[in-house]
Amino acid sequence: MREALNKVHEWPSLYMFKFIMEPDDHRINAVLAVFPPEVEVLRKYSQAGKYVGLTVKEVMMSADEVVARYDQVALIEGVIVL
């Protein structure tokens, strides 16, 4: 993943993280706690409201930082990392 990120990004770079989960406040807050408070967060609910997609935009300094964020979120049960 690091190599692929380095091929398409020049660091620092604005990166969009994407996650899908059931719309549970505890789970959403756990994901958002991984990021600093100043990031831009977009929420999009599925038509039936069973799922929510989170897009988090943050300026990252390296591919290693991106991978570290994904690794942290991957530990949260019920979150699909895209």
PDB file of N, CA and C in Angstrom:
ATOM      1  N   MET A   1       0.821  -1.189   0.000  1.00  0.00           N
ATOM      2  CA  MET A   1       0.000   0.000   0.000  1.00  0.00           C
ATOM      3  C   MET A   1       0.872   1.263   0.000  1.00  0.00           C
ATOM      4  N   ARG A   2       1.961   1.231   0.761  1.00  0.00           N
ATOM      5  CA  ARG A   2       2.836   2.412   0.825  1.00  0.00           C
ATOM      6  C   ARG A   2       3.372   2.780  -0.553  1.00  0.00           C
ATOM      7  N   GLU A   3       3.828   1.766  -1.296  1.00  0.00           N
ATOM      8  CA  GLU A   3       4.381   2.021  -2.626  1.00  0.00           C
ATOM      9  C   GLU A   3       3.336   2.629  -3.545  1.00  0.00           C
ATOM     10  N   ALA A   4       2.123   2.094  -3.500  1.00  0.00           N
ATOM     11  CA  ALA A   4       1.048   2.620  -4.349  1.00  0.00           C
ATOM     12  C   ALA A   4       0.722   4.065  -3.982  1.00  0.00           C
ATOM     13  N   LEU A   5       0.674   4.360  -2.698  1.00  0.00           N
ATOM     14  CA  LEU A   5       0.399   5.733  -2.259  1.00  0.00           C
ATOM     15  C   LEU A   5       1.497   6.685  -2.714  1.00  0.00           C
ATOM     16  N   ASN A   6       2.736   6.243  -2.625  1.00  0.00           N
ATOM     17  CA  ASN A   6       3.845   7.103  -3.029  1.00  0.00           C
ATOM     18  C   ASN A   6       3.876   7.347  -4.538  1.00  0.00           C
ATOM     19  N   LYS A   7       3.306   6.440  -5.314  1.00  0.00           N
ATOM     20  CA  LYS A   7       3.256   6.625  -6.770  1.00  0.00           C
ATOM     21  C   LYS A   7       2.235   7.675  -7.177  1.00  0.00           C
ATOM     22  N   VAL A   8       1.160   7.828  -6.397  1.00  0.00           N
ATOM     23  CA  VAL A   8       0.079   8.729  -6.806  1.00  0.00           C
ATOM     24  C   VAL A   8      -0.018  10.008  -5.974  1.00  0.00           C
ATOM     25  N   HIS A   9       0.777  10.099  -4.909  1.00  0.00           N
ATOM     26  CA  HIS A   9       0.728  11.286  -4.054  1.00  0.00           C
ATOM     27  C   HIS A   9       2.116  11.884  -3.895  1.00  0.00           C
ATOM     28  N   GLU A  10       2.140  13.201  -3.799  1.00  0.00           N
ATOM     29  CA  GLU A  10       3.337  13.908  -3.376  1.00  0.00           C
ATOM     30  C   GLU A  10       3.037  14.442  -1.985  1.00  0.00           C
ATOM     31  N   TRP A  11       3.918  14.178  -1.049  1.00  0.00           N
ATOM     32  CA  TRP A  11       3.680  14.520   0.350  1.00  0.00           C
ATOM     33  C   TRP A  11       4.275  15.868   0.685  1.00  0.00           C
ATOM     34  N   PRO A  12       3.612  16.673   1.499  1.00  0.00           N
ATOM     35  CA  PRO A  12       2.300  16.444   2.119  1.00  0.00           C
ATOM     36  C   PRO A  12       1.177  16.489   1.079  1.00  0.00           C
ATOM     37  N   SER A  13       0.080  15.815   1.397  1.00  0.00           N
ATOM     38  CA  SER A  13      -1.041  15.711   0.464  1.00  0.00           C
ATOM     39  C   SER A  13      -2.355  15.583   1.239  1.00  0.00           C
ATOM     40  N   LEU A  14      -3.417  16.161   0.654  1.00  0.00           N
ATOM     41  CA  LEU A  14      -4.750  15.986   1.227  1.00  0.00           C
ATOM     42  C   LEU A  14      -5.208  14.572   0.882  1.00  0.00           C
ATOM     43  N   TYR A  15      -5.548  13.794   1.892  1.00  0.00           N
ATOM     44  CA  TYR A  15      -5.935  12.406   1.682  1.00  0.00           C
ATOM     45  C   TYR A  15      -7.364  12.194   2.161  1.00  0.00           C
ATOM     46  N   MET A  16      -8.122  11.404   1.410  1.00  0.00           N
ATOM     47  CA  MET A  16      -9.503  11.088   1.779  1.00  0.00           C
ATOM     48  C   MET A  16      -9.584   9.644   2.272  1.00  0.00           C
ATOM     49  N   PHE A  17      -9.909   9.501   3.528  1.00  0.00           N
ATOM     50  CA  PHE A  17     -10.147   8.190   4.120  1.00  0.00           C
ATOM     51  C   PHE A  17     -11.633   7.889   3.983  1.00  0.00           C
ATOM     52  N   LYS A  18     -11.972   6.629   3.707  1.00  0.00           N
ATOM     53  CA  LYS A  18     -13.382   6.252   3.571  1.00  0.00           C
ATOM     54  C   LYS A  18     -13.669   5.016   4.401  1.00  0.00           C
ATOM     55  N   PHE A  19     -14.798   5.086   5.109  1.00  0.00           N
ATOM     56  CA  PHE A  19     -15.209   3.998   5.995  1.00  0.00           C
ATOM     57  C   PHE A  19     -16.717   3.800   5.875  1.00  0.00           C
ATOM     58  N   ILE A  20     -17.159   2.556   6.070  1.00  0.00           N
ATOM     59  CA  ILE A  20     -18.589   2.230   6.082  1.00  0.00           C
ATOM     60  C   ILE A  20     -18.884   1.457   7.359  1.00  0.00           C
ATOM     61  N   MET A  21     -20.020   1.770   7.980  1.00  0.00           N
ATOM     62  CA  MET A  21     -20.413   1.095   9.220  1.00  0.00           C
ATOM     63  C   MET A  21     -21.909   1.285   9.456  1.00  0.00           C
ATOM     64  N   GLU A  22     -22.440   0.542  10.411  1.00  0.00           N
ATOM     65  CA  GLU A  22     -23.801   0.808  10.858  1.00  0.00           C
ATOM     66  C   GLU A  22     -23.776   2.132  11.610  1.00  0.00           C
ATOM     67  N   PRO A  23     -24.855   2.914  11.526  1.00  0.00           N
ATOM     68  CA  PRO A  23     -24.851   4.254  12.137  1.00  0.00           C
ATOM     69  C   PRO A  23     -24.995   4.229  13.660  1.00  0.00           C
ATOM     70  N   ASP A  24     -23.976   3.742  14.315  1.00  0.00           N
ATOM     71  CA  ASP A  24     -23.922   3.655  15.765  1.00  0.00           C
ATOM     72  C   ASP A  24     -23.023   4.786  16.266  1.00  0.00           C
ATOM     73  N   ASP A  25     -23.546   5.642  17.147  1.00  0.00           N
ATOM     74  CA  ASP A  25     -22.780   6.800  17.620  1.00  0.00           C
ATOM     75  C   ASP A  25     -21.455   6.407  18.265  1.00  0.00           C
ATOM     76  N   HIS A  26     -21.454   5.342  19.043  1.00  0.00           N
ATOM     77  CA  HIS A  26     -20.213   4.898  19.700  1.00  0.00           C
ATOM     78  C   HIS A  26     -19.151   4.555  18.650  1.00  0.00           C
ATOM     79  N   ARG A  27     -19.545   3.816  17.625  1.00  0.00           N
ATOM     80  CA  ARG A  27     -18.613   3.400  16.570  1.00  0.00           C
ATOM     81  C   ARG A  27     -18.124   4.607  15.771  1.00  0.00           C
ATOM     82  N   ILE A  28     -19.037   5.489  15.404  1.00  0.00           N
ATOM     83  CA  ILE A  28     -18.661   6.691  14.644  1.00  0.00           C
ATOM     84  C   ILE A  28     -17.688   7.532  15.454  1.00  0.00           C
ATOM     85  N   ASN A  29     -17.980   7.729  16.737  1.00  0.00           N
ATOM     86  CA  ASN A  29     -17.094   8.519  17.597  1.00  0.00           C
ATOM     87  C   ASN A  29     -15.723   7.862  17.761  1.00  0.00           C
ATOM     88  N   ALA A  30     -15.690   6.531  17.788  1.00  0.00           N
ATOM     89  CA  ALA A  30     -14.410   5.825  17.897  1.00  0.00           C
ATOM     90  C   ALA A  30     -13.559   6.067  16.656  1.00  0.00           C
ATOM     91  N   VAL A  31     -14.186   6.059  15.488  1.00  0.00           N
ATOM     92  CA  VAL A  31     -13.452   6.338  14.244  1.00  0.00           C
ATOM     93  C   VAL A  31     -12.953   7.778  14.253  1.00  0.00           C
ATOM     94  N   LEU A  32     -13.821   8.708  14.590  1.00  0.00           N
ATOM     95  CA  LEU A  32     -13.436  10.119  14.566  1.00  0.00           C
ATOM     96  C   LEU A  32     -12.360  10.435  15.600  1.00  0.00           C
ATOM     97  N   ALA A  33     -12.288   9.671  16.680  1.00  0.00           N
ATOM     98  CA  ALA A  33     -11.273   9.904  17.707  1.00  0.00           C
ATOM     99  C   ALA A  33      -9.858   9.601  17.213  1.00  0.00           C
ATOM    100  N   VAL A  34      -9.748   8.848  16.129  1.00  0.00           N
ATOM    101  CA  VAL A  34      -8.444   8.530  15.547  1.00  0.00           C
ATOM    102  C   VAL A  34      -7.838   9.761  14.863  1.00  0.00           C
ATOM    103  N   PHE A  35      -8.687  10.710  14.489  1.00  0.00           N
ATOM    104  CA  PHE A  35      -8.270  11.880  13.718  1.00  0.00           C
ATOM    105  C   PHE A  35      -8.285  13.134  14.582  1.00  0.00           C
ATOM    106  N   PRO A  36      -7.470  14.127  14.213  1.00  0.00           N
ATOM    107  CA  PRO A  36      -7.516  15.400  14.943  1.00  0.00           C
ATOM    108  C   PRO A  36      -8.853  16.108  14.708  1.00  0.00           C
ATOM    109  N   PRO A  37      -9.271  16.979  15.614  1.00  0.00           N
ATOM    110  CA  PRO A  37     -10.595  17.603  15.516  1.00  0.00           C
ATOM    111  C   PRO A  37     -10.777  18.521  14.310  1.00  0.00           C
ATOM    112  N   GLU A  38      -9.700  18.988  13.707  1.00  0.00           N
ATOM    113  CA  GLU A  38      -9.847  19.947  12.604  1.00  0.00           C
ATOM    114  C   GLU A  38     -10.070  19.304  11.234  1.00  0.00           C
ATOM    115  N   VAL A  39     -10.151  17.976  11.151  1.00  0.00           N
ATOM    116  CA  VAL A  39     -10.360  17.336   9.852  1.00  0.00           C
ATOM    117  C   VAL A  39     -11.772  17.596   9.344  1.00  0.00           C
ATOM    118  N   GLU A  40     -11.929  17.500   8.031  1.00  0.00           N
ATOM    119  CA  GLU A  40     -13.257  17.632   7.423  1.00  0.00           C
ATOM    120  C   GLU A  40     -13.891  16.243   7.375  1.00  0.00           C
ATOM    121  N   VAL A  41     -15.125  16.153   7.848  1.00  0.00           N
ATOM    122  CA  VAL A  41     -15.830  14.868   7.883  1.00  0.00           C
ATOM    123  C   VAL A  41     -17.146  15.004   7.130  1.00  0.00           C
ATOM    124  N   LEU A  42     -17.350  14.093   6.187  1.00  0.00           N
ATOM    125  CA  LEU A  42     -18.614  14.038   5.451  1.00  0.00           C
ATOM    126  C   LEU A  42     -19.301  12.725   5.797  1.00  0.00           C
ATOM    127  N   ARG A  43     -20.590  12.796   6.074  1.00  0.00           N
ATOM    128  CA  ARG A  43     -21.376  11.597   6.374  1.00  0.00           C
ATOM    129  C   ARG A  43     -22.420  11.414   5.289  1.00  0.00           C
ATOM    130  N   LYS A  44     -22.563  10.183   4.841  1.00  0.00           N
ATOM    131  CA  LYS A  44     -23.595   9.871   3.855  1.00  0.00           C
ATOM    132  C   LYS A  44     -24.283   8.581   4.289  1.00  0.00           C
ATOM    133  N   TYR A  45     -25.590   8.683   4.517  1.00  0.00           N
ATOM    134  CA  TYR A  45     -26.364   7.539   4.971  1.00  0.00           C
ATOM    135  C   TYR A  45     -26.939   6.792   3.774  1.00  0.00           C
ATOM    136  N   SER A  46     -27.017   5.470   3.903  1.00  0.00           N
ATOM    137  CA  SER A  46     -27.632   4.671   2.850  1.00  0.00           C
ATOM    138  C   SER A  46     -29.107   5.028   2.759  1.00  0.00           C
ATOM    139  N   GLN A  47     -29.722   4.686   1.662  1.00  0.00           N
ATOM    140  CA  GLN A  47     -31.121   5.056   1.435  1.00  0.00           C
ATOM    141  C   GLN A  47     -32.033   4.526   2.543  1.00  0.00           C
ATOM    142  N   ALA A  48     -31.771   3.316   2.993  1.00  0.00           N
ATOM    143  CA  ALA A  48     -32.595   2.732   4.059  1.00  0.00           C
ATOM    144  C   ALA A  48     -32.111   3.144   5.448  1.00  0.00           C
ATOM    145  N   GLY A  49     -30.970   3.802   5.524  1.00  0.00           N
ATOM    146  CA  GLY A  49     -30.446   4.248   6.805  1.00  0.00           C
ATOM    147  C   GLY A  49     -29.740   3.177   7.618  1.00  0.00           C
ATOM    148  N   LYS A  50     -29.471   2.019   6.992  1.00  0.00           N
ATOM    149  CA  LYS A  50     -28.818   0.931   7.716  1.00  0.00           C
ATOM    150  C   LYS A  50     -27.312   1.131   7.840  1.00  0.00           C
ATOM    151  N   TYR A  51     -26.745   1.939   6.965  1.00  0.00           N
ATOM    152  CA  TYR A  51     -25.299   2.157   6.962  1.00  0.00           C
ATOM    153  C   TYR A  51     -24.995   3.639   6.796  1.00  0.00           C
ATOM    154  N   VAL A  52     -23.812   4.011   7.268  1.00  0.00           N
ATOM    155  CA  VAL A  52     -23.328   5.367   7.056  1.00  0.00           C
ATOM    156  C   VAL A  52     -21.912   5.261   6.493  1.00  0.00           C
ATOM    157  N   GLY A  53     -21.638   6.095   5.513  1.00  0.00           N
ATOM    158  CA  GLY A  53     -20.294   6.201   4.972  1.00  0.00           C
ATOM    159  C   GLY A  53     -19.648   7.459   5.527  1.00  0.00           C
ATOM    160  N   LEU A  54     -18.434   7.331   6.023  1.00  0.00           N
ATOM    161  CA  LEU A  54     -17.681   8.479   6.507  1.00  0.00           C
ATOM    162  C   LEU A  54     -16.525   8.735   5.556  1.00  0.00           C
ATOM    163  N   THR A  55     -16.395   9.971   5.131  1.00  0.00           N
ATOM    164  CA  THR A  55     -15.222  10.403   4.375  1.00  0.00           C
ATOM    165  C   THR A  55     -14.514  11.420   5.252  1.00  0.00           C
ATOM    166  N   VAL A  56     -13.267  11.156   5.548  1.00  0.00           N
ATOM    167  CA  VAL A  56     -12.475  12.031   6.405  1.00  0.00           C
ATOM    168  C   VAL A  56     -11.323  12.572   5.567  1.00  0.00           C
ATOM    169  N   LYS A  57     -11.218  13.892   5.478  1.00  0.00           N
ATOM    170  CA  LYS A  57     -10.148  14.527   4.707  1.00  0.00           C
ATOM    171  C   LYS A  57      -9.133  15.132   5.667  1.00  0.00           C
ATOM    172  N   GLU A  58      -7.872  14.737   5.470  1.00  0.00           N
ATOM    173  CA  GLU A  58      -6.802  15.231   6.327  1.00  0.00           C
ATOM    174  C   GLU A  58      -5.529  15.402   5.506  1.00  0.00           C
ATOM    175  N   VAL A  59      -4.762  16.431   5.803  1.00  0.00           N
ATOM    176  CA  VAL A  59      -3.462  16.608   5.170  1.00  0.00           C
ATOM    177  C   VAL A  59      -2.493  15.652   5.853  1.00  0.00           C
ATOM    178  N   MET A  60      -1.935  14.760   5.061  1.00  0.00           N
ATOM    179  CA  MET A  60      -1.004  13.762   5.585  1.00  0.00           C
ATOM    180  C   MET A  60       0.398  14.079   5.086  1.00  0.00           C
ATOM    181  N   MET A  61       1.391  13.759   5.904  1.00  0.00           N
ATOM    182  CA  MET A  61       2.777  14.076   5.574  1.00  0.00           C
ATOM    183  C   MET A  61       3.507  12.947   4.849  1.00  0.00           C
ATOM    184  N   SER A  62       2.960  11.716   4.925  1.00  0.00           N
ATOM    185  CA  SER A  62       3.630  10.582   4.286  1.00  0.00           C
ATOM    186  C   SER A  62       2.664   9.409   4.147  1.00  0.00           C
ATOM    187  N   ALA A  63       3.055   8.455   3.318  1.00  0.00           N
ATOM    188  CA  ALA A  63       2.279   7.229   3.172  1.00  0.00           C
ATOM    189  C   ALA A  63       2.234   6.464   4.487  1.00  0.00           C
ATOM    190  N   ASP A  64       3.316   6.534   5.260  1.00  0.00           N
ATOM    191  CA  ASP A  64       3.346   5.844   6.557  1.00  0.00           C
ATOM    192  C   ASP A  64       2.261   6.365   7.489  1.00  0.00           C
ATOM    193  N   GLU A  65       2.002   7.674   7.461  1.00  0.00           N
ATOM    194  CA  GLU A  65       0.935   8.247   8.300  1.00  0.00           C
ATOM    195  C   GLU A  65      -0.429   7.727   7.866  1.00  0.00           C
ATOM    196  N   VAL A  66      -0.641   7.621   6.561  1.00  0.00           N
ATOM    197  CA  VAL A  66      -1.918   7.107   6.038  1.00  0.00           C
ATOM    198  C   VAL A  66      -2.132   5.670   6.516  1.00  0.00           C
ATOM    199  N   VAL A  67      -1.122   4.848   6.352  1.00  0.00           N
ATOM    200  CA  VAL A  67      -1.216   3.443   6.762  1.00  0.00           C
ATOM    201  C   VAL A  67      -1.459   3.338   8.267  1.00  0.00           C
ATOM    202  N   ALA A  68      -0.801   4.176   9.047  1.00  0.00           N
ATOM    203  CA  ALA A  68      -0.996   4.148  10.502  1.00  0.00           C
ATOM    204  C   ALA A  68      -2.439   4.472  10.877  1.00  0.00           C
ATOM    205  N   ARG A  69      -3.042   5.457  10.204  1.00  0.00           N
ATOM    206  CA  ARG A  69      -4.452   5.799  10.479  1.00  0.00           C
ATOM    207  C   ARG A  69      -5.353   4.608  10.149  1.00  0.00           C
ATOM    208  N   TYR A  70      -5.140   4.010   8.956  1.00  0.00           N
ATOM    209  CA  TYR A  70      -5.955   2.861   8.572  1.00  0.00           C
ATOM    210  C   TYR A  70      -5.781   1.720   9.570  1.00  0.00           C
ATOM    211  N   ASP A  71      -4.563   1.492  10.038  1.00  0.00           N
ATOM    212  CA  ASP A  71      -4.323   0.420  11.009  1.00  0.00           C
ATOM    213  C   ASP A  71      -5.094   0.666  12.303  1.00  0.00           C
ATOM    214  N   GLN A  72      -5.147   1.924  12.746  1.00  0.00           N
ATOM    215  CA  GLN A  72      -5.880   2.251  13.974  1.00  0.00           C
ATOM    216  C   GLN A  72      -7.379   2.011  13.805  1.00  0.00           C
ATOM    217  N   VAL A  73      -7.931   2.457  12.681  1.00  0.00           N
ATOM    218  CA  VAL A  73      -9.375   2.296  12.457  1.00  0.00           C
ATOM    219  C   VAL A  73      -9.733   0.826  12.243  1.00  0.00           C
ATOM    220  N   ALA A  74      -8.833   0.063  11.651  1.00  0.00           N
ATOM    221  CA  ALA A  74      -9.106  -1.354  11.402  1.00  0.00           C
ATOM    222  C   ALA A  74      -9.331  -2.130  12.704  1.00  0.00           C
ATOM    223  N   LEU A  75      -8.872  -1.599  13.821  1.00  0.00           N
ATOM    224  CA  LEU A  75      -9.060  -2.259  15.117  1.00  0.00           C
ATOM    225  C   LEU A  75     -10.462  -2.057  15.685  1.00  0.00           C
ATOM    226  N   ILE A  76     -11.241  -1.156  15.095  1.00  0.00           N
ATOM    227  CA  ILE A  76     -12.592  -0.857  15.592  1.00  0.00           C
ATOM    228  C   ILE A  76     -13.568  -1.852  14.968  1.00  0.00           C
ATOM    229  N   GLU A  77     -14.217  -2.601  15.812  1.00  0.00           N
ATOM    230  CA  GLU A  77     -15.133  -3.648  15.345  1.00  0.00           C
ATOM    231  C   GLU A  77     -16.304  -3.067  14.558  1.00  0.00           C
ATOM    232  N   GLY A  78     -16.632  -3.686  13.432  1.00  0.00           N
ATOM    233  CA  GLY A  78     -17.796  -3.291  12.652  1.00  0.00           C
ATOM    234  C   GLY A  78     -17.548  -2.191  11.645  1.00  0.00           C
ATOM    235  N   VAL A  79     -16.294  -1.770  11.473  1.00  0.00           N
ATOM    236  CA  VAL A  79     -15.971  -0.718  10.511  1.00  0.00           C
ATOM    237  C   VAL A  79     -15.311  -1.352   9.301  1.00  0.00           C
ATOM    238  N   ILE A  80     -15.856  -1.038   8.124  1.00  0.00           N
ATOM    239  CA  ILE A  80     -15.265  -1.493   6.862  1.00  0.00           C
ATOM    240  C   ILE A  80     -14.381  -0.373   6.354  1.00  0.00           C
ATOM    241  N   VAL A  81     -13.121  -0.688   6.139  1.00  0.00           N
ATOM    242  CA  VAL A  81     -12.149   0.293   5.649  1.00  0.00           C
ATOM    243  C   VAL A  81     -12.059   0.160   4.141  1.00  0.00           C
ATOM    244  N   LEU A  82     -12.236   1.274   3.448  1.00  0.00           N
ATOM    245  CA  LEU A  82     -12.139   1.243   1.976  1.00  0.00           C
ATOM    246  C   LEU A  82     -10.832   1.835   1.522  1.00  0.00           C
TER     247      LEU A  82
END
